[in-house]
Amino acid sequence: MMSVVQSNGINLHYEERGSGDPLLLIMGITAPGAVWEKHVAYWEKSFRCILVDNRGVGLSDKPPGPYSSAQMADDCAGLLKHLGLSDVRVVGVSMGSIIAQQLAIRHSKLVRSLVLMCPWARCDRKAKDIFRHMMDCKARLRPEEFSLYVQLLIFSKASFDDDSGYEDMVADRENAALDPTPQPLVGLEGQAEACIHHQVLDLLPDIQQPTFVLGGEVDAFTPQWMTREVAGAIPNSQLHIYPGSGHAFHWENLEDFNHRVNQWLLEN
């Protein structure tokens, strides 16, 4: 079921799948909620999955930025309040993980537990320059060329070496040119600014909810030190690093990841 809600001054698009306790899923930079498909197909058997299009992408409004992780968390809080929900499990990937952190910090009563995938609490100079370069690439490259740039950031060598996986990647690049609702530059710029300026390391010890932090050993986009720093700052968090995997470890280890996170969510 797809719907739109007025939240924090914008129209926020979301979809609901499955039944059970509510599970809010927050995607990363450039990606609409539909990109959760390979995980929702599994998790919807256990949970009422709520897939949100963040501001700046998909069918949600795309106002000029800059955005902030706090602002985008308030977007999600408005959605949960509209649905009459609290004590919600939350999974966030990459930019979605910084939104999830802020949701727990700013609206703690709405959050029951957190799964933070390839998160960061602050950007160093290299990370900031990667996001700035992403904006430059978006402004200058054709959609299929920008798709390749993102793939180079998120997939490990193992994915490029796998024949069937690589065929899928090539197809995804070609399909990028056919996207009926492509993210405009203004949306990406707003999101990238939120990523660059996310700075909550001193606030993470306030997160008391059960938290599962996951990362990829060879993530070139948001490196392992970022993931470990977040896990180390949140009291009693659990950490899992996927060996030989990149930023897209959740696709590179799909079956293990879906089952591992589903089991953790059932217990937390």
C-alpha atoms as a PDB file:
ATOM      1  CA  MET A   1       0.000   0.000   0.000  1.00  0.00           C
ATOM      2  CA  MET A   2       1.472   3.347  -1.095  1.00  0.00           C
ATOM      3  CA  SER A   3       0.540   6.607   0.596  1.00  0.00           C
ATOM      4  CA  VAL A   4       1.633  10.205   1.067  1.00  0.00           C
ATOM      5  CA  VAL A   5       1.642  12.116   4.354  1.00  0.00           C
ATOM      6  CA  GLN A   6       2.346  15.748   5.186  1.00  0.00           C
ATOM      7  CA  SER A   7       5.347  15.686   7.515  1.00  0.00           C
ATOM      8  CA  ASN A   8       7.686  18.443   8.657  1.00  0.00           C
ATOM      9  CA  GLY A   9       6.549  20.749   5.870  1.00  0.00           C
ATOM     10  CA  ILE A  10       6.842  18.319   2.941  1.00  0.00           C
ATOM     11  CA  ASN A  11       4.898  15.537   1.246  1.00  0.00           C
ATOM     12  CA  LEU A  12       6.532  12.278   2.322  1.00  0.00           C
ATOM     13  CA  HIS A  13       5.831   9.149   0.279  1.00  0.00           C
ATOM     14  CA  TYR A  14       5.857   5.720   1.907  1.00  0.00           C
ATOM     15  CA  GLU A  15       4.795   2.137   1.278  1.00  0.00           C
ATOM     16  CA  GLU A  16       3.645  -0.552   3.710  1.00  0.00           C
ATOM     17  CA  ARG A  17       4.277  -4.280   3.271  1.00  0.00           C
ATOM     18  CA  GLY A  18       3.554  -7.267   5.481  1.00  0.00           C
ATOM     19  CA  SER A  19       2.029  -7.460   8.958  1.00  0.00           C
ATOM     20  CA  GLY A  20       3.181  -7.670  12.547  1.00  0.00           C
ATOM     21  CA  ASP A  21       5.129  -5.214  14.674  1.00  0.00           C
ATOM     22  CA  PRO A  22       6.117  -2.061  12.748  1.00  0.00           C
ATOM     23  CA  LEU A  23       9.561  -1.867  11.132  1.00  0.00           C
ATOM     24  CA  LEU A  24      10.681   1.461   9.629  1.00  0.00           C
ATOM     25  CA  LEU A  25      13.219   1.144   6.799  1.00  0.00           C
ATOM     26  CA  ILE A  26      15.323   4.206   5.881  1.00  0.00           C
ATOM     27  CA  MET A  27      17.375   4.132   2.655  1.00  0.00           C
ATOM     28  CA  GLY A  28      20.709   5.713   1.760  1.00  0.00           C
ATOM     29  CA  ILE A  29      21.721   8.638  -0.424  1.00  0.00           C
ATOM     30  CA  THR A  30      20.240   8.631  -3.983  1.00  0.00           C
ATOM     31  CA  ALA A  31      17.925   5.689  -3.199  1.00  0.00           C
ATOM     32  CA  PRO A  32      14.114   5.552  -2.787  1.00  0.00           C
ATOM     33  CA  GLY A  33      12.467   3.178  -0.338  1.00  0.00           C
ATOM     34  CA  ALA A  34      11.800   0.615  -3.079  1.00  0.00           C
ATOM     35  CA  VAL A  35      15.517  -0.295  -3.024  1.00  0.00           C
ATOM     36  CA  TRP A  36      14.749  -2.312   0.144  1.00  0.00           C
ATOM     37  CA  GLU A  37      12.945  -4.888  -2.048  1.00  0.00           C
ATOM     38  CA  LYS A  38      15.420  -7.785  -1.639  1.00  0.00           C
ATOM     39  CA  HIS A  39      15.184  -7.454   2.150  1.00  0.00           C
ATOM     40  CA  VAL A  40      11.480  -6.665   2.492  1.00  0.00           C
ATOM     41  CA  ALA A  41      10.624  -9.808   0.546  1.00  0.00           C
ATOM     42  CA  TYR A  42      12.028 -11.684   3.578  1.00  0.00           C
ATOM     43  CA  TRP A  43      11.228  -9.350   6.484  1.00  0.00           C
ATOM     44  CA  GLU A  44       7.576  -8.759   5.542  1.00  0.00           C
ATOM     45  CA  LYS A  45       6.843 -12.300   6.708  1.00  0.00           C
ATOM     46  CA  SER A  46       7.610 -11.167  10.268  1.00  0.00           C
ATOM     47  CA  PHE A  47       6.981  -7.411  10.335  1.00  0.00           C
ATOM     48  CA  ARG A  48       4.819  -4.563   9.063  1.00  0.00           C
ATOM     49  CA  CYS A  49       7.503  -2.953   6.906  1.00  0.00           C
ATOM     50  CA  ILE A  50       7.274   0.809   6.305  1.00  0.00           C
ATOM     51  CA  LEU A  51       9.464   1.924   3.384  1.00  0.00           C
ATOM     52  CA  VAL A  52       9.920   5.697   3.226  1.00  0.00           C
ATOM     53  CA  ASP A  53      11.191   7.841   0.346  1.00  0.00           C
ATOM     54  CA  ASN A  54      13.494  10.343   2.051  1.00  0.00           C
ATOM     55  CA  ARG A  55      13.135  14.016   1.210  1.00  0.00           C
ATOM     56  CA  GLY A  56      14.952  14.649  -2.047  1.00  0.00           C
ATOM     57  CA  VAL A  57      14.237  11.328  -3.768  1.00  0.00           C
ATOM     58  CA  GLY A  58      11.521   9.033  -5.095  1.00  0.00           C
ATOM     59  CA  LEU A  59       7.969  10.338  -4.853  1.00  0.00           C
ATOM     60  CA  SER A  60       8.618  12.556  -1.815  1.00  0.00           C
ATOM     61  CA  ASP A  61       9.122  16.312  -2.174  1.00  0.00           C
ATOM     62  CA  LYS A  62      12.551  17.507  -3.260  1.00  0.00           C
ATOM     63  CA  PRO A  63      12.943  21.035  -1.905  1.00  0.00           C
ATOM     64  CA  PRO A  64      16.228  22.920  -2.234  1.00  0.00           C
ATOM     65  CA  GLY A  65      18.738  22.049   0.459  1.00  0.00           C
ATOM     66  CA  PRO A  66      20.840  21.845   2.376  1.00  0.00           C
ATOM     67  CA  TYR A  67      19.086  19.146   4.383  1.00  0.00           C
ATOM     68  CA  SER A  68      20.280  17.839   7.748  1.00  0.00           C
ATOM     69  CA  SER A  69      20.153  14.410   9.361  1.00  0.00           C
ATOM     70  CA  ALA A  70      18.098  15.934  12.194  1.00  0.00           C
ATOM     71  CA  GLN A  71      15.595  17.413   9.726  1.00  0.00           C
ATOM     72  CA  MET A  72      15.255  14.092   7.910  1.00  0.00           C
ATOM     73  CA  ALA A  73      14.756  12.295  11.232  1.00  0.00           C
ATOM     74  CA  ASP A  74      11.963  14.757  12.014  1.00  0.00           C
ATOM     75  CA  ASP A  75      10.426  13.822   8.628  1.00  0.00           C
ATOM     76  CA  CYS A  76      10.335  10.180   9.741  1.00  0.00           C
ATOM     77  CA  ALA A  77       9.032  11.097  13.197  1.00  0.00           C
ATOM     78  CA  GLY A  78       6.129  12.918  11.576  1.00  0.00           C
ATOM     79  CA  LEU A  79       5.344   9.816   9.531  1.00  0.00           C
ATOM     80  CA  LEU A  80       5.357   7.542  12.595  1.00  0.00           C
ATOM     81  CA  LYS A  81       3.160   9.961  14.531  1.00  0.00           C
ATOM     82  CA  HIS A  82       0.742  10.151  11.581  1.00  0.00           C
ATOM     83  CA  LEU A  83       0.510   6.348  11.672  1.00  0.00           C
ATOM     84  CA  GLY A  84      -0.039   6.433  15.431  1.00  0.00           C
ATOM     85  CA  LEU A  85       3.081   4.382  16.072  1.00  0.00           C
ATOM     86  CA  SER A  86       5.707   4.365  18.812  1.00  0.00           C
ATOM     87  CA  ASP A  87       8.193   1.764  20.037  1.00  0.00           C
ATOM     88  CA  VAL A  88       9.124   1.032  16.406  1.00  0.00           C
ATOM     89  CA  ARG A  89      12.059  -1.038  15.185  1.00  0.00           C
ATOM     90  CA  VAL A  90      14.201   0.998  12.792  1.00  0.00           C
ATOM     91  CA  VAL A  91      16.702  -0.140  10.144  1.00  0.00           C
ATOM     92  CA  GLY A  92      18.817   2.458   8.358  1.00  0.00           C
ATOM     93  CA  VAL A  93      21.496   1.954   5.706  1.00  0.00           C
ATOM     94  CA  SER A  94      24.289   4.481   5.052  1.00  0.00           C
ATOM     95  CA  MET A  95      22.565   7.910   5.018  1.00  0.00           C
ATOM     96  CA  GLY A  96      19.558   6.066   6.422  1.00  0.00           C
ATOM     97  CA  SER A  97      21.680   5.069   9.404  1.00  0.00           C
ATOM     98  CA  ILE A  98      22.508   8.690  10.253  1.00  0.00           C
ATOM     99  CA  ILE A  99      18.783   9.513  10.057  1.00  0.00           C
ATOM    100  CA  ALA A 100      18.071   6.537  12.341  1.00  0.00           C
ATOM    101  CA  GLN A 101      20.670   7.763  14.846  1.00  0.00           C
ATOM    102  CA  GLN A 102      18.996  11.170  14.963  1.00  0.00           C
ATOM    103  CA  LEU A 103      15.563   9.568  15.283  1.00  0.00           C
ATOM    104  CA  ALA A 104      16.738   7.708  18.411  1.00  0.00           C
ATOM    105  CA  ILE A 105      18.430  10.834  19.787  1.00  0.00           C
ATOM    106  CA  ARG A 106      15.618  13.304  19.060  1.00  0.00           C
ATOM    107  CA  HIS A 107      12.526  11.057  19.343  1.00  0.00           C
ATOM    108  CA  SER A 108      13.628   8.242  21.638  1.00  0.00           C
ATOM    109  CA  LYS A 109      10.095   7.171  22.591  1.00  0.00           C
ATOM    110  CA  LEU A 110       9.355   6.356  18.955  1.00  0.00           C
ATOM    111  CA  VAL A 111      12.252   3.886  18.679  1.00  0.00           C
ATOM    112  CA  ARG A 112      12.317   0.384  20.159  1.00  0.00           C
ATOM    113  CA  SER A 113      15.566  -0.870  18.610  1.00  0.00           C
ATOM    114  CA  LEU A 114      18.044   0.120  15.900  1.00  0.00           C
ATOM    115  CA  VAL A 115      19.877  -1.640  13.093  1.00  0.00           C
ATOM    116  CA  LEU A 116      22.593   0.672  11.749  1.00  0.00           C
ATOM    117  CA  MET A 117      24.171  -0.456   8.470  1.00  0.00           C
ATOM    118  CA  CYS A 118      27.496   1.119   7.370  1.00  0.00           C
ATOM    119  CA  PRO A 119      26.935   4.092   9.681  1.00  0.00           C
ATOM    120  CA  TRP A 120      29.078   7.051  10.675  1.00  0.00           C
ATOM    121  CA  ALA A 121      28.937   9.554  13.505  1.00  0.00           C
ATOM    122  CA  ARG A 122      31.153  12.143  11.782  1.00  0.00           C
ATOM    123  CA  CYS A 123      32.915  12.603   8.450  1.00  0.00           C
ATOM    124  CA  ASP A 124      36.643  13.042   8.023  1.00  0.00           C
ATOM    125  CA  ARG A 125      38.044  15.078   5.129  1.00  0.00           C
ATOM    126  CA  LYS A 126      38.084  12.130   2.734  1.00  0.00           C
ATOM    127  CA  ALA A 127      34.436  11.262   3.411  1.00  0.00           C
ATOM    128  CA  LYS A 128      33.387  14.886   2.927  1.00  0.00           C
ATOM    129  CA  ASP A 129      35.254  15.027  -0.379  1.00  0.00           C
ATOM    130  CA  ILE A 130      33.596  11.796  -1.569  1.00  0.00           C
ATOM    131  CA  PHE A 131      30.168  13.352  -0.995  1.00  0.00           C
ATOM    132  CA  ARG A 132      31.264  16.580  -2.715  1.00  0.00           C
ATOM    133  CA  HIS A 133      32.594  14.594  -5.651  1.00  0.00           C
ATOM    134  CA  MET A 134      29.293  12.701  -5.809  1.00  0.00           C
ATOM    135  CA  MET A 135      27.502  16.035  -6.289  1.00  0.00           C
ATOM    136  CA  ASP A 136      29.948  16.997  -9.051  1.00  0.00           C
ATOM    137  CA  CYS A 137      29.466  13.637 -10.783  1.00  0.00           C
ATOM    138  CA  LYS A 138      25.681  13.921 -10.591  1.00  0.00           C
ATOM    139  CA  ALA A 139      25.884  17.354 -12.239  1.00  0.00           C
ATOM    140  CA  ARG A 140      28.114  16.219 -15.091  1.00  0.00           C
ATOM    141  CA  LEU A 141      27.529  12.535 -15.874  1.00  0.00           C
ATOM    142  CA  ARG A 142      24.770  10.759 -17.775  1.00  0.00           C
ATOM    143  CA  PRO A 143      22.560   8.585 -15.514  1.00  0.00           C
ATOM    144  CA  GLU A 144      24.269   5.359 -16.585  1.00  0.00           C
ATOM    145  CA  GLU A 145      27.700   6.902 -15.928  1.00  0.00           C
ATOM    146  CA  PHE A 146      26.642   8.119 -12.470  1.00  0.00           C
ATOM    147  CA  SER A 147      25.287   4.637 -11.729  1.00  0.00           C
ATOM    148  CA  LEU A 148      28.717   3.171 -12.505  1.00  0.00           C
ATOM    149  CA  TYR A 149      30.370   5.700 -10.181  1.00  0.00           C
ATOM    150  CA  VAL A 150      28.063   4.658  -7.333  1.00  0.00           C
ATOM    151  CA  GLN A 151      28.741   0.966  -8.044  1.00  0.00           C
ATOM    152  CA  LEU A 152      32.493   1.613  -7.806  1.00  0.00           C
ATOM    153  CA  LEU A 153      31.883   3.110  -4.363  1.00  0.00           C
ATOM    154  CA  ILE A 154      29.622   0.433  -2.923  1.00  0.00           C
ATOM    155  CA  PHE A 155      30.604  -2.968  -4.354  1.00  0.00           C
ATOM    156  CA  SER A 156      33.668  -5.007  -3.419  1.00  0.00           C
ATOM    157  CA  LYS A 157      36.083  -6.676  -5.832  1.00  0.00           C
ATOM    158  CA  ALA A 158      34.216  -9.949  -5.248  1.00  0.00           C
ATOM    159  CA  SER A 159      31.046  -8.501  -6.784  1.00  0.00           C
ATOM    160  CA  PHE A 160      32.896  -7.285  -9.869  1.00  0.00           C
ATOM    161  CA  ASP A 161      34.572 -10.703 -10.227  1.00  0.00           C
ATOM    162  CA  ASP A 162      31.272 -12.621 -10.001  1.00  0.00           C
ATOM    163  CA  ASP A 163      29.887 -13.196 -13.512  1.00  0.00           C
ATOM    164  CA  SER A 164      26.161 -13.126 -12.740  1.00  0.00           C
ATOM    165  CA  GLY A 165      26.543 -10.316 -10.228  1.00  0.00           C
ATOM    166  CA  TYR A 166      28.454  -8.223 -12.736  1.00  0.00           C
ATOM    167  CA  GLU A 167      25.804  -8.823 -15.407  1.00  0.00           C
ATOM    168  CA  ASP A 168      23.222  -7.464 -12.972  1.00  0.00           C
ATOM    169  CA  MET A 169      25.380  -4.407 -12.325  1.00  0.00           C
ATOM    170  CA  VAL A 170      25.707  -3.680 -16.048  1.00  0.00           C
ATOM    171  CA  ALA A 171      21.933  -4.031 -16.440  1.00  0.00           C
ATOM    172  CA  ASP A 172      21.350  -1.661 -13.520  1.00  0.00           C
ATOM    173  CA  ARG A 173      23.572   0.953 -15.193  1.00  0.00           C
ATOM    174  CA  GLU A 174      21.598   0.699 -18.435  1.00  0.00           C
ATOM    175  CA  ASN A 175      18.290   0.884 -16.558  1.00  0.00           C
ATOM    176  CA  ALA A 176      19.397   4.071 -14.774  1.00  0.00           C
ATOM    177  CA  ALA A 177      18.751   5.973 -17.988  1.00  0.00           C
ATOM    178  CA  LEU A 178      15.154   4.673 -18.027  1.00  0.00           C
ATOM    179  CA  ASP A 179      14.216   5.613 -14.423  1.00  0.00           C
ATOM    180  CA  PRO A 180      10.781   7.324 -14.595  1.00  0.00           C
ATOM    181  CA  THR A 181      11.457   9.304 -11.381  1.00  0.00           C
ATOM    182  CA  PRO A 182      15.192  10.093 -11.398  1.00  0.00           C
ATOM    183  CA  GLN A 183      16.618  11.980  -8.445  1.00  0.00           C
ATOM    184  CA  PRO A 184      17.210  15.610  -9.447  1.00  0.00           C
ATOM    185  CA  LEU A 185      20.528  17.268  -8.680  1.00  0.00           C
ATOM    186  CA  VAL A 186      18.881  19.485  -6.054  1.00  0.00           C
ATOM    187  CA  GLY A 187      17.733  16.402  -4.142  1.00  0.00           C
ATOM    188  CA  LEU A 188      21.157  14.774  -4.167  1.00  0.00           C
ATOM    189  CA  GLU A 189      22.833  18.032  -3.132  1.00  0.00           C
ATOM    190  CA  GLY A 190      20.476  18.390  -0.173  1.00  0.00           C
ATOM    191  CA  GLN A 191      21.093  14.803   0.950  1.00  0.00           C
ATOM    192  CA  ALA A 192      24.867  15.044   0.511  1.00  0.00           C
ATOM    193  CA  GLU A 193      25.004  18.107   2.743  1.00  0.00           C
ATOM    194  CA  ALA A 194      23.143  16.155   5.443  1.00  0.00           C
ATOM    195  CA  CYS A 195      25.749  13.399   5.162  1.00  0.00           C
ATOM    196  CA  ILE A 196      28.714  15.785   5.294  1.00  0.00           C
ATOM    197  CA  HIS A 197      27.513  17.702   8.353  1.00  0.00           C
ATOM    198  CA  HIS A 198      26.238  14.790  10.457  1.00  0.00           C
ATOM    199  CA  GLN A 199      28.115  15.138  13.751  1.00  0.00           C
ATOM    200  CA  VAL A 200      26.696  13.196  16.711  1.00  0.00           C
ATOM    201  CA  LEU A 201      29.614  11.278  18.223  1.00  0.00           C
ATOM    202  CA  ASP A 202      29.157  12.971  21.607  1.00  0.00           C
ATOM    203  CA  LEU A 203      25.406  12.176  21.585  1.00  0.00           C
ATOM    204  CA  LEU A 204      25.584   8.451  20.763  1.00  0.00           C
ATOM    205  CA  PRO A 205      26.139   7.401  24.408  1.00  0.00           C
ATOM    206  CA  ASP A 206      22.607   8.702  25.074  1.00  0.00           C
ATOM    207  CA  ILE A 207      21.113   5.974  22.855  1.00  0.00           C
ATOM    208  CA  GLN A 208      19.778   3.339  25.238  1.00  0.00           C
ATOM    209  CA  GLN A 209      17.851   1.189  22.750  1.00  0.00           C
ATOM    210  CA  PRO A 210      19.259  -2.198  21.680  1.00  0.00           C
ATOM    211  CA  THR A 211      21.435  -1.496  18.633  1.00  0.00           C
ATOM    212  CA  PHE A 212      22.917  -3.814  15.991  1.00  0.00           C
ATOM    213  CA  VAL A 213      25.708  -2.236  13.928  1.00  0.00           C
ATOM    214  CA  LEU A 214      26.838  -3.890  10.675  1.00  0.00           C
ATOM    215  CA  GLY A 215      29.541  -3.043   8.159  1.00  0.00           C
ATOM    216  CA  GLY A 216      31.729  -4.363   5.358  1.00  0.00           C
ATOM    217  CA  GLU A 217      35.399  -5.132   5.910  1.00  0.00           C
ATOM    218  CA  VAL A 218      36.538  -3.460   2.678  1.00  0.00           C
ATOM    219  CA  ASP A 219      33.924  -0.699   2.443  1.00  0.00           C
ATOM    220  CA  ALA A 220      35.582   2.070   0.395  1.00  0.00           C
ATOM    221  CA  PHE A 221      32.671   4.530   0.789  1.00  0.00           C
ATOM    222  CA  THR A 222      32.170   4.646   4.564  1.00  0.00           C
ATOM    223  CA  PRO A 223      35.192   2.708   5.845  1.00  0.00           C
ATOM    224  CA  GLN A 224      35.211   0.209   8.681  1.00  0.00           C
ATOM    225  CA  TRP A 225      36.601   2.739  11.195  1.00  0.00           C
ATOM    226  CA  MET A 226      33.333   4.685  10.916  1.00  0.00           C
ATOM    227  CA  THR A 227      31.233   1.604  11.649  1.00  0.00           C
ATOM    228  CA  ARG A 228      33.414   0.608  14.597  1.00  0.00           C
ATOM    229  CA  GLU A 229      33.365   4.146  16.017  1.00  0.00           C
ATOM    230  CA  VAL A 230      29.553   4.160  16.059  1.00  0.00           C
ATOM    231  CA  ALA A 231      29.384   0.720  17.669  1.00  0.00           C
ATOM    232  CA  GLY A 232      31.929   1.746  20.268  1.00  0.00           C
ATOM    233  CA  ALA A 233      30.004   4.883  21.222  1.00  0.00           C
ATOM    234  CA  ILE A 234      26.553   3.297  21.686  1.00  0.00           C
ATOM    235  CA  PRO A 235      26.225   1.456  25.009  1.00  0.00           C
ATOM    236  CA  ASN A 236      25.827  -2.333  24.742  1.00  0.00           C
ATOM    237  CA  SER A 237      25.622  -2.325  20.943  1.00  0.00           C
ATOM    238  CA  GLN A 238      26.318  -5.467  18.942  1.00  0.00           C
ATOM    239  CA  LEU A 239      28.729  -5.349  15.978  1.00  0.00           C
ATOM    240  CA  HIS A 240      29.078  -7.566  12.921  1.00  0.00           C
ATOM    241  CA  ILE A 241      31.587  -6.959  10.119  1.00  0.00           C
ATOM    242  CA  TYR A 242      31.194  -8.963   6.893  1.00  0.00           C
ATOM    243  CA  PRO A 243      34.613 -10.203   5.691  1.00  0.00           C
ATOM    244  CA  GLY A 244      35.702  -9.188   2.185  1.00  0.00           C
ATOM    245  CA  SER A 245      32.528  -7.150   1.687  1.00  0.00           C
ATOM    246  CA  GLY A 246      31.922  -3.568   0.607  1.00  0.00           C
ATOM    247  CA  HIS A 247      29.366  -0.873   1.376  1.00  0.00           C
ATOM    248  CA  ALA A 248      26.730  -3.105  -0.226  1.00  0.00           C
ATOM    249  CA  PHE A 249      27.519  -6.013   2.120  1.00  0.00           C
ATOM    250  CA  HIS A 250      23.765  -6.513   2.580  1.00  0.00           C
ATOM    251  CA  TRP A 251      23.444  -7.503  -1.087  1.00  0.00           C
ATOM    252  CA  GLU A 252      26.781  -9.302  -1.256  1.00  0.00           C
ATOM    253  CA  ASN A 253      25.688 -11.544   1.668  1.00  0.00           C
ATOM    254  CA  LEU A 254      21.956 -11.385   1.028  1.00  0.00           C
ATOM    255  CA  GLU A 255      20.699 -14.621   2.579  1.00  0.00           C
ATOM    256  CA  ASP A 256      22.867 -14.399   5.677  1.00  0.00           C
ATOM    257  CA  PHE A 257      22.079 -10.717   6.163  1.00  0.00           C
ATOM    258  CA  ASN A 258      18.306 -11.070   5.777  1.00  0.00           C
ATOM    259  CA  HIS A 259      18.156 -13.966   8.236  1.00  0.00           C
ATOM    260  CA  ARG A 260      20.650 -12.483  10.716  1.00  0.00           C
ATOM    261  CA  VAL A 261      18.865  -9.139  10.949  1.00  0.00           C
ATOM    262  CA  ASN A 262      15.397 -10.724  10.998  1.00  0.00           C
ATOM    263  CA  GLN A 263      16.389 -12.920  13.957  1.00  0.00           C
ATOM    264  CA  TRP A 264      17.930  -9.981  15.822  1.00  0.00           C
ATOM    265  CA  LEU A 265      14.818  -7.875  15.259  1.00  0.00           C
ATOM    266  CA  LEU A 266      12.556 -10.666  16.515  1.00  0.00           C
ATOM    267  CA  GLU A 267      14.621 -10.735  19.729  1.00  0.00           C
ATOM    268  CA  ASN A 268      14.835  -6.945  20.111  1.00  0.00           C
END
